[in-house]
Protein backbone atom coordinates (compact mmCIF):
# COMPACT_ATOMS: atom_id res chain seq x y z
CA MET A 1 -0.01 0.01 0.00
CA SER A 2 1.54 3.27 -1.14
CA ALA A 3 -1.00 5.58 0.53
CA VAL A 4 -0.24 8.92 2.06
CA ALA A 5 -2.52 10.54 4.63
CA VAL A 6 -4.26 13.29 2.68
CA SER A 7 -5.77 16.40 4.25
CA TYR A 8 -9.58 16.27 4.33
CA THR A 9 -12.75 17.86 5.66
CA VAL A 10 -15.99 16.14 6.70
CA ASP A 11 -19.38 17.90 6.63
CA GLY A 12 -22.79 16.49 7.52
CA ALA A 13 -24.22 14.00 9.99
CA ALA A 14 -21.90 11.27 11.26
CA ASP A 15 -24.48 8.56 10.52
CA ALA A 16 -25.38 9.75 7.00
CA PRO A 17 -24.33 7.92 3.82
CA VAL A 18 -20.81 8.91 2.76
CA VAL A 19 -20.12 11.00 -0.38
CA VAL A 20 -16.50 11.70 -1.29
CA LEU A 21 -15.56 14.46 -3.76
CA SER A 22 -12.20 14.31 -5.57
CA ASN A 23 -10.61 17.45 -7.00
CA SER A 24 -9.21 18.30 -10.39
CA LEU A 25 -5.54 18.67 -11.29
CA GLY A 26 -4.34 21.98 -9.84
CA ALA A 27 -7.39 22.57 -7.63
CA THR A 28 -7.95 21.92 -3.94
CA ARG A 29 -10.99 20.57 -2.13
CA ALA A 30 -12.25 24.18 -2.02
CA MET A 31 -13.38 23.73 -5.63
CA TRP A 32 -16.32 21.79 -4.19
CA ASP A 33 -17.42 24.54 -1.77
CA PRO A 34 -20.55 25.39 -3.82
CA GLN A 35 -21.75 21.75 -3.65
CA VAL A 36 -20.97 20.90 -0.02
CA PRO A 37 -23.76 22.70 1.89
CA ALA A 38 -26.63 21.08 -0.07
CA LEU A 39 -24.99 17.65 -0.15
CA ALA A 40 -24.22 17.82 3.59
CA GLU A 41 -27.94 18.17 4.38
CA ARG A 42 -28.37 14.53 3.30
CA PHE A 43 -24.89 12.98 3.27
CA ARG A 44 -21.64 12.83 5.16
CA VAL A 45 -19.54 14.76 2.67
CA VAL A 46 -15.77 14.14 2.54
CA THR A 47 -13.64 16.53 0.52
CA TYR A 48 -9.89 16.17 0.30
CA ASP A 49 -6.76 17.52 -1.40
CA THR A 50 -5.13 15.04 -3.76
CA ARG A 51 -1.47 14.42 -2.92
CA GLY A 52 0.68 17.30 -4.11
CA HIS A 53 -2.22 19.75 -3.77
CA GLY A 54 -3.49 22.02 -1.02
CA ARG A 55 -2.63 20.87 2.47
CA SER A 56 -1.89 17.24 1.54
CA PRO A 57 1.65 15.85 1.51
CA ALA A 58 3.67 15.89 -1.71
CA PRO A 59 5.82 12.78 -1.55
CA ALA A 60 8.62 12.41 -4.06
CA GLY A 61 7.39 11.17 -7.44
CA PRO A 62 6.79 9.50 -9.71
CA TYR A 63 3.15 8.72 -8.83
CA THR A 64 0.88 6.16 -10.44
CA GLN A 65 -2.88 6.24 -10.78
CA ASP A 66 -3.06 3.41 -8.24
CA ASP A 67 -1.14 5.58 -5.75
CA LEU A 68 -3.95 8.12 -5.92
CA VAL A 69 -6.53 5.33 -5.55
CA ASP A 70 -4.64 3.95 -2.53
CA ASP A 71 -4.75 7.44 -0.95
CA LEU A 72 -8.53 7.54 -1.48
CA ILE A 73 -9.08 4.06 -0.04
CA ALA A 74 -7.02 4.96 3.02
CA LEU A 75 -9.14 8.11 3.42
CA LEU A 76 -12.38 6.12 3.17
CA ASP A 77 -11.03 3.71 5.80
CA GLU A 78 -10.08 6.69 8.01
CA VAL A 79 -13.60 8.16 7.90
CA GLY A 80 -15.38 4.81 8.14
CA GLY A 81 -16.67 4.82 4.59
CA SER A 82 -16.55 1.11 3.75
CA ARG A 83 -18.83 1.90 0.81
CA ALA A 84 -19.36 5.40 -0.54
CA HIS A 85 -20.77 7.47 -3.34
CA VAL A 86 -17.78 8.87 -5.24
CA ALA A 87 -17.65 12.00 -7.42
CA GLY A 88 -14.56 13.24 -9.20
CA LEU A 89 -13.79 16.00 -11.68
CA SER A 90 -10.92 15.72 -14.20
CA LEU A 91 -8.04 14.03 -12.34
CA GLY A 92 -10.52 13.26 -9.54
CA GLY A 93 -12.76 11.51 -12.05
CA MET A 94 -9.85 9.42 -13.31
CA THR A 95 -9.13 8.37 -9.72
CA ALA A 96 -12.82 7.58 -9.19
CA MET A 97 -13.03 5.44 -12.34
CA ARG A 98 -9.94 3.45 -11.38
CA LEU A 99 -11.34 2.95 -7.87
CA ALA A 100 -14.62 1.67 -9.32
CA VAL A 101 -12.76 -0.76 -11.59
CA ARG A 102 -10.28 -1.96 -8.98
CA GLU A 103 -12.40 -1.97 -5.81
CA PRO A 104 -16.04 -2.17 -6.97
CA GLN A 105 -17.27 -3.09 -3.50
CA ARG A 106 -16.15 0.35 -2.21
CA VAL A 107 -18.25 2.38 -4.67
CA ASP A 108 -22.04 2.67 -4.40
CA ARG A 109 -22.80 5.27 -7.07
CA LEU A 110 -20.31 7.11 -9.26
CA ALA A 111 -20.35 10.63 -10.69
CA LEU A 112 -17.72 11.63 -13.26
CA LEU A 113 -17.37 15.29 -14.22
CA CYS A 114 -15.33 16.81 -17.08
CA THR A 115 -12.93 13.89 -17.11
CA SER A 116 -11.41 11.41 -19.55
CA ALA A 117 -10.61 7.71 -19.77
CA LYS A 118 -7.66 8.47 -22.06
CA PRO A 119 -6.39 12.03 -22.30
CA ASP A 120 -3.87 13.10 -24.90
CA PRO A 121 -0.64 12.56 -22.92
CA GLN A 122 1.68 15.07 -24.58
CA PRO A 123 0.17 18.32 -23.21
CA PHE A 124 0.36 16.93 -19.67
CA LEU A 125 3.95 15.72 -20.11
CA ASP A 126 4.84 19.15 -21.49
CA ARG A 127 3.13 20.82 -18.52
CA ALA A 128 5.02 18.62 -16.07
CA ALA A 129 8.32 19.66 -17.65
CA THR A 130 7.30 23.35 -17.59
CA VAL A 131 6.34 23.20 -13.92
CA ARG A 132 9.60 21.46 -12.99
CA SER A 133 11.58 24.21 -14.66
CA GLY A 134 9.51 27.26 -13.62
CA GLY A 135 6.97 26.27 -10.98
CA THR A 136 3.17 26.35 -11.04
CA ALA A 137 2.66 30.09 -10.59
CA PRO A 138 3.53 31.15 -14.17
CA LEU A 139 1.01 28.60 -15.51
CA ALA A 140 -1.81 29.61 -13.19
CA PRO A 141 -3.53 32.23 -15.43
CA ALA A 142 -3.56 29.95 -18.48
CA VAL A 143 -4.78 26.91 -16.52
CA ALA A 144 -7.48 28.84 -14.66
CA GLY A 145 -8.45 30.40 -17.98
CA ARG A 146 -9.74 27.00 -19.09
CA TRP A 147 -11.72 26.35 -15.93
CA LEU A 148 -14.43 28.95 -16.60
CA THR A 149 -15.96 30.35 -19.77
CA PRO A 150 -14.52 33.78 -20.66
CA GLU A 151 -17.84 35.47 -20.00
CA TYR A 152 -18.23 33.96 -16.54
CA ALA A 153 -14.62 34.71 -15.68
CA ALA A 154 -15.04 38.35 -16.68
CA GLU A 155 -18.03 38.62 -14.34
CA HIS A 156 -16.29 36.91 -11.42
CA PRO A 157 -12.73 38.28 -11.11
CA GLU A 158 -12.57 37.34 -7.44
CA LEU A 159 -13.20 33.70 -8.31
CA VAL A 160 -10.54 33.79 -11.01
CA ALA A 161 -8.03 35.16 -8.52
CA LYS A 162 -8.93 32.41 -6.03
CA LEU A 163 -8.49 29.71 -8.69
CA GLU A 164 -5.15 31.10 -9.84
CA ALA A 165 -3.96 31.12 -6.21
CA MET A 166 -5.07 27.49 -5.85
CA ILE A 167 -2.93 26.45 -8.82
CA ALA A 168 0.06 28.53 -7.71
CA SER A 169 -0.10 26.96 -4.25
CA ALA A 170 0.31 23.40 -5.51
CA ASP A 171 3.63 21.76 -4.76
CA ASP A 172 5.68 21.99 -7.99
CA GLU A 173 6.94 18.43 -7.94
CA GLY A 174 3.63 17.08 -6.69
CA TYR A 175 1.73 18.87 -9.44
CA ALA A 176 4.19 17.72 -12.10
CA SER A 177 3.90 14.13 -10.87
CA CYS A 178 0.10 14.37 -11.02
CA CYS A 179 0.38 15.70 -14.59
CA GLU A 180 2.30 12.55 -15.44
CA VAL A 181 -0.45 10.44 -13.84
CA VAL A 182 -2.99 12.09 -16.14
CA ALA A 183 -0.72 11.44 -19.12
CA SER A 184 -0.59 7.72 -18.21
CA VAL A 185 -4.35 7.19 -17.85
CA ASP A 186 -5.78 4.61 -20.27
CA LEU A 187 -8.98 3.22 -18.81
CA GLY A 188 -10.99 2.62 -21.97
CA ALA A 189 -10.78 -1.17 -21.89
CA ASP A 190 -11.81 -1.25 -18.22
CA LEU A 191 -14.93 0.93 -18.31
CA ALA A 192 -17.30 -1.91 -19.20
CA ARG A 193 -16.34 -3.55 -15.89
CA ILE A 194 -17.70 -0.67 -13.80
CA THR A 195 -20.83 -1.86 -12.02
CA ALA A 196 -21.67 1.28 -10.03
CA PRO A 197 -24.58 3.29 -11.44
CA THR A 198 -22.81 6.16 -13.14
CA LEU A 199 -23.64 9.79 -13.93
CA VAL A 200 -21.31 11.57 -16.40
CA ILE A 201 -21.37 15.36 -16.63
CA SER A 202 -19.83 17.36 -19.47
CA GLY A 203 -19.17 21.09 -19.79
CA TRP A 204 -20.20 22.15 -23.28
CA ASP A 205 -17.38 24.71 -23.42
CA ASP A 206 -14.68 22.53 -21.81
CA MET A 207 -11.48 23.00 -23.81
CA ALA A 208 -9.34 20.99 -21.41
CA LEU A 209 -11.29 17.70 -21.78
CA PRO A 210 -14.04 18.34 -24.36
CA PRO A 211 -17.43 16.59 -24.27
CA ASN A 212 -16.35 13.78 -26.65
CA HIS A 213 -14.22 12.43 -23.79
CA GLN A 214 -17.27 12.15 -21.52
CA LYS A 215 -19.44 10.70 -24.30
CA LEU A 216 -16.90 7.88 -24.71
CA ILE A 217 -17.05 7.18 -20.96
CA ALA A 218 -20.88 7.21 -20.92
CA ASP A 219 -21.03 4.93 -23.97
CA SER A 220 -18.61 2.46 -22.36
CA ILE A 221 -20.01 2.17 -18.81
CA PRO A 222 -23.14 0.02 -18.74
CA ALA A 223 -26.32 2.15 -18.36
CA ALA A 224 -24.39 5.35 -17.61
CA GLU A 225 -26.30 8.64 -17.87
CA LEU A 226 -24.71 11.60 -19.67
CA VAL A 227 -25.69 15.22 -19.02
CA THR A 228 -24.10 18.24 -20.66
CA VAL A 229 -24.28 21.64 -18.98
CA SER A 230 -24.03 24.88 -20.92
CA PRO A 231 -22.42 27.30 -20.61
CA GLY A 232 -19.74 25.48 -18.68
CA ALA A 233 -16.00 24.97 -19.04
CA HIS A 234 -13.69 22.56 -17.21
CA LEU A 235 -14.88 23.33 -13.68
CA ALA A 236 -18.50 23.16 -14.71
CA ASN A 237 -19.56 22.69 -11.07
CA LEU A 238 -18.55 26.31 -10.39
CA GLU A 239 -20.32 27.89 -13.33
CA GLN A 240 -23.46 25.74 -13.14
CA THR A 241 -23.60 25.31 -9.36
CA VAL A 242 -27.36 24.82 -9.04
CA GLN A 243 -27.67 22.35 -11.92
CA VAL A 244 -24.60 20.28 -11.03
CA THR A 245 -25.49 20.14 -7.33
CA GLY A 246 -29.01 19.06 -8.25
CA LEU A 247 -27.70 16.36 -10.58
CA LEU A 248 -25.41 14.98 -7.85
CA LEU A 249 -28.17 15.06 -5.26
CA GLY A 250 -30.58 13.28 -7.56
CA HIS A 251 -28.05 10.66 -8.56
CA PHE A 252 -26.89 9.87 -5.02
CA ASP A 253 -30.35 10.10 -3.45
CA THR A 254 -31.60 7.35 -5.70
CA ALA A 255 -29.44 4.90 -3.79
CA GLY A 256 -31.05 5.19 -0.40
CA GLY A 257 -28.76 4.38 2.53
CA THR A 258 -25.16 3.32 2.14
CA ARG A 259 -22.29 3.04 4.56
């Protein structure tokens, strides 16, 4: 077991079904702040910072996708979530898919947002090299610029500043190692093995991982549901807070109780 003890927050009643939310590359658990209050009314909501991000450790790389899954399993064990609903966006969605393939008994229902089963590796390898040579801060404006549509970003400069600060705060080596994890992801052949009822959410304007990536996931996981929100870029949960929160509530509520 390669797990590190990630930094996390728990909201909601101690005896409620567990929902865990996994962040995107470059973000922290704070990206889920718009979703947490409504989810915590019905669930025990666990948000965490992926290794190399936020307040979590950044062990020396390289990392593998299974390292990130091991971190998540250790977190679920820590909070008593033997079986949980799991939602992940981008890198978080990749971790969630691998968890559902590898440890199906741990996942009740699955929600995958703005993610991919097989990203184009070269941009992420290039970004890892750039971060190792110059750090995350110089990249922050360009990366955050793909997280929101230009119109929404122009109307919410304080949010843009917060997102840029999130990216800049990531550990350089940890972020670069997570970029290399994204570059290595190739889950296409495994998706048909996912048994958890799955909701897939696309952002119509997502330039980082466009909707065709999510359509492939939804077409490959048995009985998966695909919803596209518009306008919405890579962090569609921020731009379409009400719709995305409602979709997650509806998907997880269908399950009834889980522990």
